[in-house]
Structures are given as structure tokens and as C-alpha cells.
Amino acid sequence: MQSPNRIAIVSAIVLVSLCSFAMSATAQPTPEVAIDRMFRDESAPGSTRQGRELMGSLKKWMGTYQRTLKTGNGYVAIFDSGSLPIDAKFRANGTVESMTFGCPTSRSLSASEAPMELRKALSKCAGFK
């Protein structure tokens, strides 16, 4: 037979574990983490087939995705070969609802090397004509 103290300790440990799990399951990611997930995880919440294809094209052209940083007006995604300004809108649960991209910055990339689906978007960017 187990002592009442042992049962109380085990019950307290289980309760703390369940509370920690519930809090982590409902915790909202920071905007940088939510954007990071969109670039790193093809099954991220909110990912669409079209969005995954665009992310794949960006990575193919700009190199390996590194991280996302907060800027004054939005965010910037850092890749091996440059950076990409991002304006993002978020759902109430913290996941990305929509993202629009600005003109990439890099000295080594050219629009002629970009995947076809990106060339139209790049046509408005100075230096990528």
C-alpha cells in the first residue's frame, strides 16, 4: 500500500505536467517564430500548396533559409544569398494568415536565374530587370 504523501506527490507531478502541456499547446508563437515555421516546415499551420511551392522557389533561388528578424516596419527573411523583406498578417492564434514579399537584397542574384514563378514578381524590383 502506498503512503498518502507518495500519492499526493505523484498527483502533483501529473497535474504540473498536464498544466505545462496545456500551456505549451495554447501558447502563441512570436511573429518571427511563425514566419520561421512557414519557411522551415512545409506542413506549418496555414501552409497551402501554392505557398509551399513559392517557398521552395525562393529557397532554390536564394539558398538555404537562415532566420527571420524583426525590422521597423515588418520582418526580413535571411537566406544564404540575400534577404527578403516580409509584411505578414497573423491570425488570433499567432499563425501566419498572409505574407507579402518586398524586393530581395543581394549582389549575387539576378532575375534571369530566378525560377519562372518569381520573375513576374521581381520585375518591379530595381536591379532585377
Protein backbone atom coordinates (compact mmCIF):
# COMPACT_ATOMS: atom_id res chain seq x y z
CA MET A 1 0.00 0.00 0.00
CA GLN A 2 1.31 3.44 -0.97
CA SER A 3 1.51 6.24 1.58
CA PRO A 4 -0.82 9.23 1.21
CA ASN A 5 2.23 11.52 0.84
CA ARG A 6 3.56 9.50 -2.07
CA ILE A 7 0.17 9.57 -3.81
CA ALA A 8 -0.08 13.34 -3.26
CA ILE A 9 3.41 13.90 -4.70
CA VAL A 10 2.71 11.74 -7.77
CA SER A 11 -0.64 13.50 -8.27
CA ALA A 12 1.06 16.91 -8.03
CA ILE A 13 3.69 15.91 -10.60
CA VAL A 14 0.99 14.68 -13.00
CA LEU A 15 -1.01 17.90 -12.52
CA VAL A 16 2.03 20.11 -13.17
CA SER A 17 2.88 18.09 -16.27
CA LEU A 18 -0.66 18.39 -17.63
CA CYS A 19 -0.74 22.16 -16.97
CA SER A 20 2.63 22.62 -18.69
CA PHE A 21 1.43 20.62 -21.69
CA ALA A 22 -1.81 22.62 -21.93
CA MET A 23 0.04 25.93 -21.69
CA SER A 24 2.58 24.96 -24.35
CA ALA A 25 -0.16 23.68 -26.65
CA THR A 26 -2.03 27.00 -26.46
CA ALA A 27 0.96 29.35 -26.33
CA GLN A 28 1.12 31.62 -29.36
CA PRO A 29 4.37 31.74 -31.30
CA THR A 30 6.10 35.06 -31.73
CA PRO A 31 5.70 36.54 -35.23
CA GLU A 32 9.32 35.67 -36.03
CA VAL A 33 8.74 32.04 -34.99
CA ALA A 34 5.52 31.82 -37.01
CA ILE A 35 7.26 33.15 -40.15
CA ASP A 36 10.24 30.88 -39.48
CA ARG A 37 7.90 27.87 -39.42
CA MET A 38 6.49 28.84 -42.81
CA PHE A 39 9.98 28.73 -44.33
CA ARG A 40 11.22 25.65 -42.47
CA ASP A 41 8.17 23.40 -42.14
CA GLU A 42 6.16 22.53 -45.22
CA SER A 43 3.31 21.31 -43.03
CA ALA A 44 3.16 24.51 -40.94
CA PRO A 45 -0.34 25.66 -39.99
CA GLY A 46 -1.73 27.80 -42.78
CA SER A 47 0.55 26.35 -45.47
CA THR A 48 -1.08 25.98 -48.86
CA ARG A 49 0.20 24.10 -51.88
CA GLN A 50 0.83 27.39 -53.67
CA GLY A 51 2.61 28.82 -50.62
CA ARG A 52 4.83 25.73 -50.30
CA GLU A 53 5.74 25.96 -54.00
CA LEU A 54 6.64 29.64 -53.61
CA MET A 55 8.75 28.91 -50.52
CA GLY A 56 10.52 26.14 -52.43
CA SER A 57 11.22 28.50 -55.33
CA LEU A 58 12.58 31.17 -53.01
CA LYS A 59 14.90 28.69 -51.31
CA LYS A 60 16.03 27.26 -54.64
CA TRP A 61 16.96 30.73 -55.84
CA MET A 62 18.14 32.45 -52.63
CA GLY A 63 19.80 29.48 -50.97
CA THR A 64 19.25 27.98 -47.56
CA TYR A 65 16.88 29.86 -45.29
CA GLN A 66 18.66 31.05 -42.12
CA ARG A 67 16.30 33.04 -39.89
CA THR A 68 13.71 35.82 -39.66
CA LEU A 69 14.38 39.17 -38.00
CA LYS A 70 12.00 41.94 -36.89
CA THR A 71 12.55 45.26 -38.64
CA GLY A 72 10.94 48.64 -38.03
CA ASN A 73 8.02 48.08 -40.40
CA GLY A 74 7.92 44.32 -40.71
CA TYR A 75 10.27 41.38 -40.95
CA VAL A 76 13.16 40.21 -43.08
CA ALA A 77 13.98 36.62 -44.01
CA ILE A 78 17.70 35.93 -44.24
CA PHE A 79 19.00 33.42 -46.82
CA ASP A 80 22.48 32.31 -47.89
CA SER A 81 22.40 34.63 -50.91
CA GLY A 82 20.44 37.60 -49.61
CA SER A 83 17.47 38.82 -47.65
CA LEU A 84 13.78 39.26 -48.35
CA PRO A 85 11.54 41.90 -46.72
CA ILE A 86 8.23 40.47 -45.47
CA ASP A 87 4.95 42.06 -44.47
CA ALA A 88 2.88 39.49 -42.57
CA LYS A 89 -0.60 39.37 -41.08
CA PHE A 90 -1.34 36.94 -38.27
CA ARG A 91 -4.39 35.02 -37.05
CA ALA A 92 -5.60 35.30 -33.45
CA ASN A 93 -3.74 32.04 -32.61
CA GLY A 94 -0.42 33.53 -33.81
CA THR A 95 -0.08 31.60 -37.08
CA VAL A 96 0.61 33.40 -40.35
CA GLU A 97 -2.54 34.40 -42.23
CA SER A 98 -0.80 36.03 -45.18
CA MET A 99 2.63 37.20 -46.26
CA THR A 100 3.71 39.59 -48.96
CA PHE A 101 7.30 39.94 -50.04
CA GLY A 102 9.26 43.04 -50.90
CA CYS A 103 12.20 43.23 -53.26
CA PRO A 104 15.13 40.98 -52.27
CA THR A 105 18.51 42.45 -51.48
CA SER A 106 21.59 40.73 -52.84
CA ARG A 107 24.55 41.49 -55.03
CA SER A 108 24.86 37.98 -56.40
CA LEU A 109 21.30 37.17 -57.52
CA SER A 110 19.80 38.02 -60.88
CA ALA A 111 16.21 37.75 -62.06
CA SER A 112 17.34 35.64 -65.02
CA GLU A 113 18.40 32.96 -62.51
CA ALA A 114 15.14 33.14 -60.58
CA PRO A 115 12.52 30.42 -61.06
CA MET A 116 9.90 31.44 -63.61
CA GLU A 117 7.14 31.87 -60.98
CA LEU A 118 9.24 34.55 -59.23
CA ARG A 119 10.31 36.55 -62.29
CA LYS A 120 7.00 38.39 -62.65
CA ALA A 121 7.09 39.49 -59.01
CA LEU A 122 10.73 40.58 -59.40
CA SER A 123 10.04 42.68 -62.49
CA LYS A 124 9.01 45.61 -60.24
CA CYS A 125 12.26 45.47 -58.28
CA ALA A 126 15.12 47.77 -59.24
CA GLY A 127 18.18 45.80 -60.23
CA PHE A 128 16.21 42.66 -61.07
CA LYS A 129 15.02 43.52 -64.56
